Amino acid sequence: MESITLVLLRRPTDPPVLPEDEQDRIQQAHLAFLDSRRKEGVMGAAGPFRDHDDETLRGLCLYRVGIEDARRHAAEDPAVRAGILTAEPITWWFREGEVRLA
């Protein structure tokens, strides 16, 4: 068996109310953060969700590190630090070779 650490990104029930320009700045910093983790080889993939019923569920990050390291990285995400998103790390196990990340 192999495992990947998944981090579910959720919108909290009481996110901070921020001016639009601040929200835009945080979103750009969030995307830059994800790109930097990809370049470092820490993250295999990340992206938003669409077409689902849970409005709190915003996106998913697949980390190539254990859960404690993923938790630490996710806590550094500017959107998480700003309280716009929460990070929920979980370990996902699957058969060896079933999932390949570039």
PDB file of N, CA and C in Angstrom:
ATOM      1  N   MET A   1       0.838  -1.188   0.000  1.00  0.00           N
ATOM      2  CA  MET A   1       0.000   0.000   0.000  1.00  0.00           C
ATOM      3  C   MET A   1       0.884   1.253   0.000  1.00  0.00           C
ATOM      4  N   GLU A   2       0.337   2.300  -0.609  1.00  0.00           N
ATOM      5  CA  GLU A   2       0.966   3.613  -0.625  1.00  0.00           C
ATOM      6  C   GLU A   2      -0.007   4.605   0.002  1.00  0.00           C
ATOM      7  N   SER A   3       0.512   5.757   0.374  1.00  0.00           N
ATOM      8  CA  SER A   3      -0.378   6.785   0.922  1.00  0.00           C
ATOM      9  C   SER A   3       0.020   8.162   0.407  1.00  0.00           C
ATOM     10  N   ILE A   4      -0.961   9.024   0.410  1.00  0.00           N
ATOM     11  CA  ILE A   4      -0.797  10.449   0.088  1.00  0.00           C
ATOM     12  C   ILE A   4      -1.555  11.207   1.171  1.00  0.00           C
ATOM     13  N   THR A   5      -1.037  12.355   1.535  1.00  0.00           N
ATOM     14  CA  THR A   5      -1.762  13.194   2.480  1.00  0.00           C
ATOM     15  C   THR A   5      -2.628  14.165   1.696  1.00  0.00           C
ATOM     16  N   LEU A   6      -3.922  14.083   1.926  1.00  0.00           N
ATOM     17  CA  LEU A   6      -4.880  14.996   1.311  1.00  0.00           C
ATOM     18  C   LEU A   6      -5.183  16.106   2.307  1.00  0.00           C
ATOM     19  N   VAL A   7      -5.292  17.306   1.813  1.00  0.00           N
ATOM     20  CA  VAL A   7      -5.726  18.419   2.659  1.00  0.00           C
ATOM     21  C   VAL A   7      -6.969  19.009   2.020  1.00  0.00           C
ATOM     22  N   LEU A   8      -8.086  18.854   2.706  1.00  0.00           N
ATOM     23  CA  LEU A   8      -9.338  19.459   2.259  1.00  0.00           C
ATOM     24  C   LEU A   8      -9.343  20.915   2.703  1.00  0.00           C
ATOM     25  N   LEU A   9      -9.618  21.799   1.779  1.00  0.00           N
ATOM     26  CA  LEU A   9      -9.727  23.216   2.092  1.00  0.00           C
ATOM     27  C   LEU A   9     -11.200  23.575   2.176  1.00  0.00           C
ATOM     28  N   ARG A  10     -11.581  24.141   3.302  1.00  0.00           N
ATOM     29  CA  ARG A  10     -12.982  24.493   3.546  1.00  0.00           C
ATOM     30  C   ARG A  10     -13.107  25.966   3.888  1.00  0.00           C
ATOM     31  N   ARG A  11     -14.268  26.511   3.559  1.00  0.00           N
ATOM     32  CA  ARG A  11     -14.615  27.876   3.978  1.00  0.00           C
ATOM     33  C   ARG A  11     -15.183  27.754   5.394  1.00  0.00           C
ATOM     34  N   PRO A  12     -14.652  28.509   6.346  1.00  0.00           N
ATOM     35  CA  PRO A  12     -15.189  28.424   7.711  1.00  0.00           C
ATOM     36  C   PRO A  12     -16.597  29.009   7.793  1.00  0.00           C
ATOM     37  N   THR A  13     -17.300  28.683   8.849  1.00  0.00           N
ATOM     38  CA  THR A  13     -18.670  29.188   9.016  1.00  0.00           C
ATOM     39  C   THR A  13     -18.693  30.687   9.284  1.00  0.00           C
ATOM     40  N   ASP A  14     -17.582  31.213   9.826  1.00  0.00           N
ATOM     41  CA  ASP A  14     -17.535  32.644  10.131  1.00  0.00           C
ATOM     42  C   ASP A  14     -16.246  33.277   9.596  1.00  0.00           C
ATOM     43  N   PRO A  15     -16.091  33.301   8.272  1.00  0.00           N
ATOM     44  CA  PRO A  15     -14.859  33.877   7.715  1.00  0.00           C
ATOM     45  C   PRO A  15     -14.788  35.378   7.997  1.00  0.00           C
ATOM     46  N   PRO A  16     -13.585  35.920   8.029  1.00  0.00           N
ATOM     47  CA  PRO A  16     -13.475  37.368   8.260  1.00  0.00           C
ATOM     48  C   PRO A  16     -14.060  38.148   7.081  1.00  0.00           C
ATOM     49  N   VAL A  17     -14.591  39.302   7.392  1.00  0.00           N
ATOM     50  CA  VAL A  17     -15.096  40.204   6.358  1.00  0.00           C
ATOM     51  C   VAL A  17     -13.942  41.129   5.984  1.00  0.00           C
ATOM     52  N   LEU A  18     -13.515  41.009   4.736  1.00  0.00           N
ATOM     53  CA  LEU A  18     -12.365  41.773   4.271  1.00  0.00           C
ATOM     54  C   LEU A  18     -12.740  42.576   3.034  1.00  0.00           C
ATOM     55  N   PRO A  19     -12.065  43.704   2.831  1.00  0.00           N
ATOM     56  CA  PRO A  19     -12.298  44.465   1.600  1.00  0.00           C
ATOM     57  C   PRO A  19     -11.906  43.612   0.389  1.00  0.00           C
ATOM     58  N   GLU A  20     -12.542  43.894  -0.740  1.00  0.00           N
ATOM     59  CA  GLU A  20     -12.314  43.101  -1.952  1.00  0.00           C
ATOM     60  C   GLU A  20     -10.847  43.090  -2.374  1.00  0.00           C
ATOM     61  N   ASP A  21     -10.178  44.229  -2.262  1.00  0.00           N
ATOM     62  CA  ASP A  21      -8.766  44.256  -2.662  1.00  0.00           C
ATOM     63  C   ASP A  21      -7.904  43.379  -1.758  1.00  0.00           C
ATOM     64  N   GLU A  22      -8.245  43.278  -0.479  1.00  0.00           N
ATOM     65  CA  GLU A  22      -7.526  42.397   0.442  1.00  0.00           C
ATOM     66  C   GLU A  22      -7.807  40.925   0.113  1.00  0.00           C
ATOM     67  N   GLN A  23      -9.052  40.620  -0.201  1.00  0.00           N
ATOM     68  CA  GLN A  23      -9.396  39.257  -0.623  1.00  0.00           C
ATOM     69  C   GLN A  23      -8.610  38.865  -1.877  1.00  0.00           C
ATOM     70  N   ASP A  24      -8.523  39.773  -2.834  1.00  0.00           N
ATOM     71  CA  ASP A  24      -7.772  39.509  -4.061  1.00  0.00           C
ATOM     72  C   ASP A  24      -6.290  39.279  -3.760  1.00  0.00           C
ATOM     73  N   ARG A  25      -5.728  40.096  -2.883  1.00  0.00           N
ATOM     74  CA  ARG A  25      -4.321  39.949  -2.510  1.00  0.00           C
ATOM     75  C   ARG A  25      -4.073  38.588  -1.854  1.00  0.00           C
ATOM     76  N   ILE A  26      -4.970  38.190  -0.966  1.00  0.00           N
ATOM     77  CA  ILE A  26      -4.825  36.901  -0.281  1.00  0.00           C
ATOM     78  C   ILE A  26      -4.973  35.756  -1.276  1.00  0.00           C
ATOM     79  N   GLN A  27      -5.911  35.865  -2.211  1.00  0.00           N
ATOM     80  CA  GLN A  27      -6.088  34.818  -3.219  1.00  0.00           C
ATOM     81  C   GLN A  27      -4.834  34.659  -4.073  1.00  0.00           C
ATOM     82  N   GLN A  28      -4.238  35.765  -4.482  1.00  0.00           N
ATOM     83  CA  GLN A  28      -3.007  35.701  -5.273  1.00  0.00           C
ATOM     84  C   GLN A  28      -1.871  35.086  -4.454  1.00  0.00           C
ATOM     85  N   ALA A  29      -1.791  35.440  -3.187  1.00  0.00           N
ATOM     86  CA  ALA A  29      -0.765  34.857  -2.311  1.00  0.00           C
ATOM     87  C   ALA A  29      -1.017  33.361  -2.104  1.00  0.00           C
ATOM     88  N   HIS A  30      -2.273  32.964  -2.007  1.00  0.00           N
ATOM     89  CA  HIS A  30      -2.657  31.552  -1.876  1.00  0.00           C
ATOM     90  C   HIS A  30      -2.198  30.767  -3.104  1.00  0.00           C
ATOM     91  N   LEU A  31      -2.470  31.289  -4.293  1.00  0.00           N
ATOM     92  CA  LEU A  31      -2.070  30.609  -5.529  1.00  0.00           C
ATOM     93  C   LEU A  31      -0.547  30.539  -5.648  1.00  0.00           C
ATOM     94  N   ALA A  32       0.141  31.606  -5.265  1.00  0.00           N
ATOM     95  CA  ALA A  32       1.608  31.609  -5.292  1.00  0.00           C
ATOM     96  C   ALA A  32       2.164  30.584  -4.300  1.00  0.00           C
ATOM     97  N   PHE A  33       1.526  30.472  -3.157  1.00  0.00           N
ATOM     98  CA  PHE A  33       1.929  29.477  -2.153  1.00  0.00           C
ATOM     99  C   PHE A  33       1.810  28.069  -2.730  1.00  0.00           C
ATOM    100  N   LEU A  34       0.683  27.764  -3.361  1.00  0.00           N
ATOM    101  CA  LEU A  34       0.483  26.438  -3.949  1.00  0.00           C
ATOM    102  C   LEU A  34       1.535  26.163  -5.019  1.00  0.00           C
ATOM    103  N   ASP A  35       1.798  27.156  -5.863  1.00  0.00           N
ATOM    104  CA  ASP A  35       2.823  26.995  -6.899  1.00  0.00           C
ATOM    105  C   ASP A  35       4.198  26.728  -6.290  1.00  0.00           C
ATOM    106  N   SER A  36       4.518  27.426  -5.216  1.00  0.00           N
ATOM    107  CA  SER A  36       5.833  27.232  -4.596  1.00  0.00           C
ATOM    108  C   SER A  36       5.950  25.829  -4.005  1.00  0.00           C
ATOM    109  N   ARG A  37       4.870  25.298  -3.439  1.00  0.00           N
ATOM    110  CA  ARG A  37       4.916  23.941  -2.882  1.00  0.00           C
ATOM    111  C   ARG A  37       5.036  22.905  -3.996  1.00  0.00           C
ATOM    112  N   ARG A  38       4.417  23.172  -5.133  1.00  0.00           N
ATOM    113  CA  ARG A  38       4.578  22.276  -6.293  1.00  0.00           C
ATOM    114  C   ARG A  38       6.035  22.267  -6.748  1.00  0.00           C
ATOM    115  N   LYS A  39       6.625  23.457  -6.894  1.00  0.00           N
ATOM    116  CA  LYS A  39       8.014  23.572  -7.362  1.00  0.00           C
ATOM    117  C   LYS A  39       8.985  22.914  -6.392  1.00  0.00           C
ATOM    118  N   GLU A  40       8.694  22.972  -5.110  1.00  0.00           N
ATOM    119  CA  GLU A  40       9.536  22.334  -4.098  1.00  0.00           C
ATOM    120  C   GLU A  40       9.398  20.809  -4.117  1.00  0.00           C
ATOM    121  N   GLY A  41       8.356  20.302  -4.792  1.00  0.00           N
ATOM    122  CA  GLY A  41       8.110  18.869  -4.826  1.00  0.00           C
ATOM    123  C   GLY A  41       7.336  18.357  -3.625  1.00  0.00           C
ATOM    124  N   VAL A  42       6.867  19.260  -2.788  1.00  0.00           N
ATOM    125  CA  VAL A  42       6.107  18.900  -1.587  1.00  0.00           C
ATOM    126  C   VAL A  42       4.668  18.536  -1.940  1.00  0.00           C
ATOM    127  N   MET A  43       4.127  19.210  -2.959  1.00  0.00           N
ATOM    128  CA  MET A  43       2.737  19.014  -3.356  1.00  0.00           C
ATOM    129  C   MET A  43       2.682  18.410  -4.749  1.00  0.00           C
ATOM    130  N   GLY A  44       1.801  17.428  -4.922  1.00  0.00           N
ATOM    131  CA  GLY A  44       1.645  16.797  -6.223  1.00  0.00           C
ATOM    132  C   GLY A  44       0.572  17.437  -7.081  1.00  0.00           C
ATOM    133  N   ALA A  45      -0.460  17.967  -6.445  1.00  0.00           N
ATOM    134  CA  ALA A  45      -1.575  18.572  -7.177  1.00  0.00           C
ATOM    135  C   ALA A  45      -2.429  19.378  -6.203  1.00  0.00           C
ATOM    136  N   ALA A  46      -3.154  20.332  -6.750  1.00  0.00           N
ATOM    137  CA  ALA A  46      -4.086  21.132  -5.948  1.00  0.00           C
ATOM    138  C   ALA A  46      -5.090  21.775  -6.878  1.00  0.00           C
ATOM    139  N   GLY A  47      -6.285  21.981  -6.386  1.00  0.00           N
ATOM    140  CA  GLY A  47      -7.282  22.662  -7.193  1.00  0.00           C
ATOM    141  C   GLY A  47      -8.626  22.751  -6.493  1.00  0.00           C
ATOM    142  N   PRO A  48      -9.496  23.614  -7.034  1.00  0.00           N
ATOM    143  CA  PRO A  48     -10.820  23.823  -6.446  1.00  0.00           C
ATOM    144  C   PRO A  48     -11.806  22.732  -6.857  1.00  0.00           C
ATOM    145  N   PHE A  49     -12.897  22.647  -6.107  1.00  0.00           N
ATOM    146  CA  PHE A  49     -14.001  21.750  -6.427  1.00  0.00           C
ATOM    147  C   PHE A  49     -15.114  22.529  -7.114  1.00  0.00           C
ATOM    148  N   ARG A  50     -15.870  21.832  -7.913  1.00  0.00           N
ATOM    149  CA  ARG A  50     -17.067  22.382  -8.557  1.00  0.00           C
ATOM    150  C   ARG A  50     -18.164  21.310  -8.512  1.00  0.00           C
ATOM    151  N   ASP A  51     -19.393  21.743  -8.760  1.00  0.00           N
ATOM    152  CA  ASP A  51     -20.527  20.828  -8.939  1.00  0.00           C
ATOM    153  C   ASP A  51     -20.734  19.878  -7.770  1.00  0.00           C
ATOM    154  N   HIS A  52     -20.850  20.444  -6.576  1.00  0.00           N
ATOM    155  CA  HIS A  52     -21.135  19.636  -5.390  1.00  0.00           C
ATOM    156  C   HIS A  52     -22.073  20.416  -4.474  1.00  0.00           C
ATOM    157  N   ASP A  53     -22.603  19.741  -3.481  1.00  0.00           N
ATOM    158  CA  ASP A  53     -23.612  20.356  -2.616  1.00  0.00           C
ATOM    159  C   ASP A  53     -23.061  20.992  -1.345  1.00  0.00           C
ATOM    160  N   ASP A  54     -21.826  20.695  -0.965  1.00  0.00           N
ATOM    161  CA  ASP A  54     -21.257  21.225   0.269  1.00  0.00           C
ATOM    162  C   ASP A  54     -20.559  22.552  -0.021  1.00  0.00           C
ATOM    163  N   GLU A  55     -21.215  23.653   0.303  1.00  0.00           N
ATOM    164  CA  GLU A  55     -20.671  24.970  -0.018  1.00  0.00           C
ATOM    165  C   GLU A  55     -19.427  25.320   0.787  1.00  0.00           C
ATOM    166  N   THR A  56     -19.160  24.595   1.872  1.00  0.00           N
ATOM    167  CA  THR A  56     -17.943  24.871   2.635  1.00  0.00           C
ATOM    168  C   THR A  56     -16.715  24.255   1.971  1.00  0.00           C
ATOM    169  N   LEU A  57     -16.894  23.216   1.188  1.00  0.00           N
ATOM    170  CA  LEU A  57     -15.782  22.503   0.575  1.00  0.00           C
ATOM    171  C   LEU A  57     -15.282  23.276  -0.638  1.00  0.00           C
ATOM    172  N   ARG A  58     -14.044  23.792  -0.549  1.00  0.00           N
ATOM    173  CA  ARG A  58     -13.518  24.675  -1.588  1.00  0.00           C
ATOM    174  C   ARG A  58     -12.498  23.997  -2.496  1.00  0.00           C
ATOM    175  N   GLY A  59     -11.601  23.148  -1.936  1.00  0.00           N
ATOM    176  CA  GLY A  59     -10.569  22.562  -2.774  1.00  0.00           C
ATOM    177  C   GLY A  59      -9.805  21.462  -2.067  1.00  0.00           C
ATOM    178  N   LEU A  60      -8.821  20.936  -2.790  1.00  0.00           N
ATOM    179  CA  LEU A  60      -8.040  19.799  -2.312  1.00  0.00           C
ATOM    180  C   LEU A  60      -6.581  19.997  -2.692  1.00  0.00           C
ATOM    181  N   CYS A  61      -5.696  19.645  -1.771  1.00  0.00           N
ATOM    182  CA  CYS A  61      -4.253  19.625  -2.035  1.00  0.00           C
ATOM    183  C   CYS A  61      -3.757  18.213  -1.761  1.00  0.00           C
ATOM    184  N   LEU A  62      -2.941  17.675  -2.660  1.00  0.00           N
ATOM    185  CA  LEU A  62      -2.324  16.367  -2.477  1.00  0.00           C
ATOM    186  C   LEU A  62      -0.854  16.589  -2.158  1.00  0.00           C
ATOM    187  N   TYR A  63      -0.478  16.285  -0.938  1.00  0.00           N
ATOM    188  CA  TYR A  63       0.899  16.467  -0.493  1.00  0.00           C
ATOM    189  C   TYR A  63       1.664  15.158  -0.585  1.00  0.00           C
ATOM    190  N   ARG A  64       2.935  15.271  -0.912  1.00  0.00           N
ATOM    191  CA  ARG A  64       3.829  14.114  -1.006  1.00  0.00           C
ATOM    192  C   ARG A  64       4.550  13.842   0.307  1.00  0.00           C
ATOM    193  N   VAL A  65       4.124  14.447   1.365  1.00  0.00           N
ATOM    194  CA  VAL A  65       4.765  14.323   2.677  1.00  0.00           C
ATOM    195  C   VAL A  65       3.767  13.737   3.670  1.00  0.00           C
ATOM    196  N   GLY A  66       4.267  13.343   4.832  1.00  0.00           N
ATOM    197  CA  GLY A  66       3.410  12.810   5.881  1.00  0.00           C
ATOM    198  C   GLY A  66       2.443  13.843   6.425  1.00  0.00           C
ATOM    199  N   ILE A  67       1.524  13.370   7.225  1.00  0.00           N
ATOM    200  CA  ILE A  67       0.435  14.239   7.688  1.00  0.00           C
ATOM    201  C   ILE A  67       0.930  15.413   8.535  1.00  0.00           C
ATOM    202  N   GLU A  68       1.927  15.210   9.376  1.00  0.00           N
ATOM    203  CA  GLU A  68       2.405  16.314  10.215  1.00  0.00           C
ATOM    204  C   GLU A  68       3.071  17.394   9.370  1.00  0.00           C
ATOM    205  N   ASP A  69       3.876  16.989   8.380  1.00  0.00           N
ATOM    206  CA  ASP A  69       4.489  17.973   7.486  1.00  0.00           C
ATOM    207  C   ASP A  69       3.427  18.678   6.641  1.00  0.00           C
ATOM    208  N   ALA A  70       2.443  17.924   6.163  1.00  0.00           N
ATOM    209  CA  ALA A  70       1.357  18.531   5.379  1.00  0.00           C
ATOM    210  C   ALA A  70       0.575  19.524   6.233  1.00  0.00           C
ATOM    211  N   ARG A  71       0.326  19.157   7.469  1.00  0.00           N
ATOM    212  CA  ARG A  71      -0.384  20.061   8.393  1.00  0.00           C
ATOM    213  C   ARG A  71       0.415  21.363   8.559  1.00  0.00           C
ATOM    214  N   ARG A  72       1.727  21.237   8.720  1.00  0.00           N
ATOM    215  CA  ARG A  72       2.587  22.407   8.885  1.00  0.00           C
ATOM    216  C   ARG A  72       2.571  23.277   7.625  1.00  0.00           C
ATOM    217  N   HIS A  73       2.708  22.641   6.449  1.00  0.00           N
ATOM    218  CA  HIS A  73       2.675  23.404   5.197  1.00  0.00           C
ATOM    219  C   HIS A  73       1.326  24.093   5.014  1.00  0.00           C
ATOM    220  N   ALA A  74       0.247  23.366   5.241  1.00  0.00           N
ATOM    221  CA  ALA A  74      -1.092  23.934   5.047  1.00  0.00           C
ATOM    222  C   ALA A  74      -1.327  25.125   5.970  1.00  0.00           C
ATOM    223  N   ALA A  75      -0.777  25.079   7.166  1.00  0.00           N
ATOM    224  CA  ALA A  75      -0.945  26.192   8.112  1.00  0.00           C
ATOM    225  C   ALA A  75      -0.234  27.449   7.626  1.00  0.00           C
ATOM    226  N   GLU A  76       0.731  27.298   6.706  1.00  0.00           N
ATOM    227  CA  GLU A  76       1.462  28.438   6.157  1.00  0.00           C
ATOM    228  C   GLU A  76       0.750  29.081   4.966  1.00  0.00           C
ATOM    229  N   ASP A  77      -0.293  28.442   4.467  1.00  0.00           N
ATOM    230  CA  ASP A  77      -1.052  28.977   3.333  1.00  0.00           C
ATOM    231  C   ASP A  77      -1.639  30.334   3.732  1.00  0.00           C
ATOM    232  N   PRO A  78      -1.388  31.379   2.951  1.00  0.00           N
ATOM    233  CA  PRO A  78      -1.910  32.701   3.303  1.00  0.00           C
ATOM    234  C   PRO A  78      -3.425  32.748   3.510  1.00  0.00           C
ATOM    235  N   ALA A  79      -4.187  31.958   2.755  1.00  0.00           N
ATOM    236  CA  ALA A  79      -5.646  31.948   2.923  1.00  0.00           C
ATOM    237  C   ALA A  79      -6.035  31.287   4.246  1.00  0.00           C
ATOM    238  N   VAL A  80      -5.282  30.294   4.667  1.00  0.00           N
ATOM    239  CA  VAL A  80      -5.531  29.651   5.965  1.00  0.00           C
ATOM    240  C   VAL A  80      -5.127  30.613   7.077  1.00  0.00           C
ATOM    241  N   ARG A  81      -3.979  31.238   6.931  1.00  0.00           N
ATOM    242  CA  ARG A  81      -3.507  32.190   7.947  1.00  0.00           C
ATOM    243  C   ARG A  81      -4.475  33.356   8.106  1.00  0.00           C
ATOM    244  N   ALA A  82      -5.130  33.765   7.015  1.00  0.00           N
ATOM    245  CA  ALA A  82      -6.076  34.885   7.064  1.00  0.00           C
ATOM    246  C   ALA A  82      -7.448  34.458   7.583  1.00  0.00           C
ATOM    247  N   GLY A  83      -7.676  33.160   7.744  1.00  0.00           N
ATOM    248  CA  GLY A  83      -8.967  32.678   8.225  1.00  0.00           C
ATOM    249  C   GLY A  83     -10.016  32.529   7.143  1.00  0.00           C
ATOM    250  N   ILE A  84      -9.623  32.691   5.876  1.00  0.00           N
ATOM    251  CA  ILE A  84     -10.558  32.541   4.758  1.00  0.00           C
ATOM    252  C   ILE A  84     -10.829  31.064   4.473  1.00  0.00           C
ATOM    253  N   LEU A  85      -9.811  30.233   4.700  1.00  0.00           N
ATOM    254  CA  LEU A  85      -9.933  28.787   4.523  1.00  0.00           C
ATOM    255  C   LEU A  85      -9.457  28.080   5.780  1.00  0.00           C
ATOM    256  N   THR A  86      -9.958  26.869   5.991  1.00  0.00           N
ATOM    257  CA  THR A  86      -9.415  25.982   7.007  1.00  0.00           C
ATOM    258  C   THR A  86      -8.839  24.775   6.280  1.00  0.00           C
ATOM    259  N   ALA A  87      -7.855  24.149   6.889  1.00  0.00           N
ATOM    260  CA  ALA A  87      -7.180  23.001   6.289  1.00  0.00           C
ATOM    261  C   ALA A  87      -7.463  21.762   7.121  1.00  0.00           C
ATOM    262  N   GLU A  88      -7.924  20.716   6.456  1.00  0.00           N
ATOM    263  CA  GLU A  88      -8.281  19.457   7.117  1.00  0.00           C
ATOM    264  C   GLU A  88      -7.450  18.323   6.512  1.00  0.00           C
ATOM    265  N   PRO A  89      -6.288  18.001   7.108  1.00  0.00           N
ATOM    266  CA  PRO A  89      -5.431  16.967   6.533  1.00  0.00           C
ATOM    267  C   PRO A  89      -5.905  15.557   6.906  1.00  0.00           C
ATOM    268  N   ILE A  90      -5.802  14.662   5.930  1.00  0.00           N
ATOM    269  CA  ILE A  90      -6.116  13.252   6.146  1.00  0.00           C
ATOM    270  C   ILE A  90      -5.151  12.408   5.315  1.00  0.00           C
ATOM    271  N   THR A  91      -4.902  11.192   5.778  1.00  0.00           N
ATOM    272  CA  THR A  91      -4.056  10.279   5.020  1.00  0.00           C
ATOM    273  C   THR A  91      -4.948   9.353   4.214  1.00  0.00           C
ATOM    274  N   TRP A  92      -4.631   9.221   2.944  1.00  0.00           N
ATOM    275  CA  TRP A  92      -5.393   8.349   2.039  1.00  0.00           C
ATOM    276  C   TRP A  92      -4.483   7.221   1.579  1.00  0.00           C
ATOM    277  N   TRP A  93      -4.922   6.003   1.819  1.00  0.00           N
ATOM    278  CA  TRP A  93      -4.188   4.812   1.423  1.00  0.00           C
ATOM    279  C   TRP A  93      -4.802   4.214   0.165  1.00  0.00           C
ATOM    280  N   PHE A  94      -3.956   3.676  -0.710  1.00  0.00           N
ATOM    281  CA  PHE A  94      -4.417   3.063  -1.952  1.00  0.00           C
ATOM    282  C   PHE A  94      -3.412   1.999  -2.385  1.00  0.00           C
ATOM    283  N   ARG A  95      -3.835   1.161  -3.311  1.00  0.00           N
ATOM    284  CA  ARG A  95      -2.938   0.125  -3.806  1.00  0.00           C
ATOM    285  C   ARG A  95      -1.734   0.717  -4.509  1.00  0.00           C
ATOM    286  N   GLU A  96      -0.606   0.111  -4.305  1.00  0.00           N
ATOM    287  CA  GLU A  96       0.628   0.583  -4.914  1.00  0.00           C
ATOM    288  C   GLU A  96       0.481   0.669  -6.436  1.00  0.00           C
ATOM    289  N   GLY A  97       0.879   1.828  -6.985  1.00  0.00           N
ATOM    290  CA  GLY A  97       0.839   2.024  -8.428  1.00  0.00           C
ATOM    291  C   GLY A  97      -0.469   2.527  -8.980  1.00  0.00           C
ATOM    292  N   GLU A  98      -1.527   2.601  -8.165  1.00  0.00           N
ATOM    293  CA  GLU A  98      -2.829   3.056  -8.672  1.00  0.00           C
ATOM    294  C   GLU A  98      -2.870   4.554  -8.955  1.00  0.00           C
ATOM    295  N   VAL A  99      -2.072   5.310  -8.238  1.00  0.00           N
ATOM    296  CA  VAL A  99      -2.083   6.761  -8.386  1.00  0.00           C
ATOM    297  C   VAL A  99      -0.659   7.212  -8.702  1.00  0.00           C
ATOM    298  N   ARG A 100      -0.537   8.003  -9.753  1.00  0.00           N
ATOM    299  CA  ARG A 100       0.778   8.547 -10.127  1.00  0.00           C
ATOM    300  C   ARG A 100       0.646  10.072 -10.232  1.00  0.00           C
ATOM    301  N   LEU A 101       1.551  10.727  -9.562  1.00  0.00           N
ATOM    302  CA  LEU A 101       1.580  12.186  -9.615  1.00  0.00           C
ATOM    303  C   LEU A 101       2.811  12.619 -10.390  1.00  0.00           C
ATOM    304  N   ALA A 102       2.624  13.567 -11.278  1.00  0.00           N
ATOM    305  CA  ALA A 102       3.753  14.073 -12.079  1.00  0.00           C
ATOM    306  C   ALA A 102       4.745  14.799 -11.227  1.00  0.00           C
TER     307      ALA A 102
END
